[in-house]
Amino acid sequence: MNIPLIDLKAHHQALHAEITSAIQNILERTDFILGQDVAKFEEEFAAFCGTKHAVGVSSGVAALELSLLAFGIGPGDEVLVPAHTFTATAAAVSFPGPSLCSWM
């Protein structure tokens, strides 16, 4: 017996019109990078989190790297990362410049 984990087609069908409309609007405005949709997301996400600001970034690595920089982590700082993680976790640690990456 095959029991599907998730039916993506059913989920997509329910949202098809909304997704198609959003994509069409982006194509018409040609704001493929940043643009009003990203600004709206950042505002709504900041409100959801109860904070003044939120910044959308391109990836999880970029988010981790930005977080390290925001905390002033740099060369000579020790950063511990879990051993069982995606390689991006350790990669983000190496970008800002910490000289030691310890595996737990």
Protein backbone atom coordinates (compact mmCIF):
# COMPACT_ATOMS: atom_id res chain seq x y z
CA MET A 1 0.00 0.00 0.00
CA ASN A 2 1.35 3.40 -0.99
CA ILE A 3 0.38 6.24 1.35
CA PRO A 4 1.58 9.60 0.02
CA LEU A 5 3.22 11.89 2.55
CA ILE A 6 1.69 15.02 1.05
CA ASP A 7 -0.43 15.72 -2.01
CA LEU A 8 1.29 18.76 -3.51
CA LYS A 9 -1.02 18.78 -6.52
CA ALA A 10 -4.08 19.22 -4.28
CA HIS A 11 -2.36 22.02 -2.35
CA HIS A 12 -1.35 23.75 -5.57
CA GLN A 13 -4.84 23.48 -7.08
CA ALA A 14 -6.29 25.28 -4.07
CA LEU A 15 -3.82 28.15 -4.49
CA HIS A 16 -3.40 28.11 -8.28
CA ALA A 17 -5.36 31.28 -9.08
CA GLU A 18 -3.65 33.28 -6.31
CA ILE A 19 -0.16 32.08 -7.28
CA THR A 20 -0.74 32.72 -10.99
CA SER A 21 -2.05 36.23 -10.27
CA ALA A 22 0.94 37.06 -8.05
CA ILE A 23 3.42 35.83 -10.65
CA GLN A 24 1.65 37.74 -13.41
CA ASN A 25 1.77 40.95 -11.35
CA ILE A 26 5.51 40.54 -10.79
CA LEU A 27 6.08 39.92 -14.52
CA GLU A 28 4.09 43.02 -15.43
CA ARG A 29 5.97 45.22 -12.93
CA THR A 30 9.33 43.57 -13.77
CA ASP A 31 10.45 43.87 -10.16
CA PHE A 32 12.08 40.45 -10.00
CA ILE A 33 14.59 41.41 -7.31
CA LEU A 34 13.36 43.15 -4.18
CA GLY A 35 10.34 45.23 -5.23
CA GLN A 36 7.05 45.91 -3.53
CA ASP A 37 6.27 42.27 -2.71
CA VAL A 38 9.47 41.89 -0.70
CA ALA A 39 8.89 45.22 1.06
CA LYS A 40 5.34 44.15 1.94
CA PHE A 41 6.57 40.78 3.22
CA GLU A 42 9.23 42.44 5.39
CA GLU A 43 6.67 44.84 6.89
CA GLU A 44 4.12 42.09 7.56
CA PHE A 45 6.71 39.70 8.97
CA ALA A 46 8.12 42.39 11.28
CA ALA A 47 4.58 43.09 12.55
CA PHE A 48 3.99 39.36 13.02
CA CYS A 49 7.22 39.08 15.05
CA GLY A 50 6.45 42.24 17.03
CA THR A 51 9.62 44.01 15.91
CA LYS A 52 10.37 47.22 14.05
CA HIS A 53 12.18 45.65 11.11
CA ALA A 54 12.60 42.42 9.17
CA VAL A 55 15.02 41.83 6.31
CA GLY A 56 14.42 39.31 3.57
CA VAL A 57 17.57 37.62 2.28
CA SER A 58 18.31 35.24 -0.57
CA SER A 59 19.01 32.09 1.43
CA GLY A 60 19.47 30.48 4.81
CA VAL A 61 23.24 30.88 4.48
CA ALA A 62 22.77 34.61 3.92
CA ALA A 63 20.51 34.81 6.98
CA LEU A 64 23.06 32.99 9.15
CA GLU A 65 25.93 35.11 7.83
CA LEU A 66 24.00 38.34 8.45
CA SER A 67 23.17 37.20 11.98
CA LEU A 68 26.83 36.50 12.74
CA LEU A 69 27.84 39.90 11.42
CA ALA A 70 25.06 41.61 13.40
CA PHE A 71 26.43 40.11 16.61
CA GLY A 72 29.94 41.27 15.75
CA ILE A 73 31.31 37.76 15.34
CA GLY A 74 34.55 37.82 13.41
CA PRO A 75 38.12 36.57 13.14
CA GLY A 76 39.31 34.86 16.31
CA ASP A 77 35.82 34.12 17.62
CA GLU A 78 34.84 30.55 18.32
CA VAL A 79 31.55 29.44 16.79
CA LEU A 80 30.06 26.05 17.63
CA VAL A 81 27.87 24.33 15.08
CA PRO A 82 26.10 20.97 15.37
CA ALA A 83 27.77 17.99 13.73
CA HIS A 84 24.56 16.82 12.07
CA THR A 85 23.58 19.82 10.02
CA PHE A 86 23.48 21.06 6.48
CA THR A 87 26.87 22.22 5.17
CA ALA A 88 25.50 25.75 4.86
CA THR A 89 25.63 26.11 8.64
CA ALA A 90 29.40 25.69 8.72
CA ALA A 91 29.81 27.65 5.48
CA ALA A 92 28.03 30.65 6.99
CA VAL A 93 30.40 30.53 9.95
CA SER A 94 33.42 30.63 7.65
CA PHE A 95 32.23 33.64 5.62
CA PRO A 96 32.46 36.42 8.24
CA GLY A 97 35.88 35.14 9.27
CA PRO A 98 35.79 33.23 12.58
CA SER A 99 39.02 31.26 12.66
CA LEU A 100 37.68 28.23 14.54
CA CYS A 101 34.68 26.10 13.68
CA SER A 102 34.07 23.47 16.34
CA TRP A 103 31.82 20.49 15.72
CA MET A 104 29.69 19.32 18.62
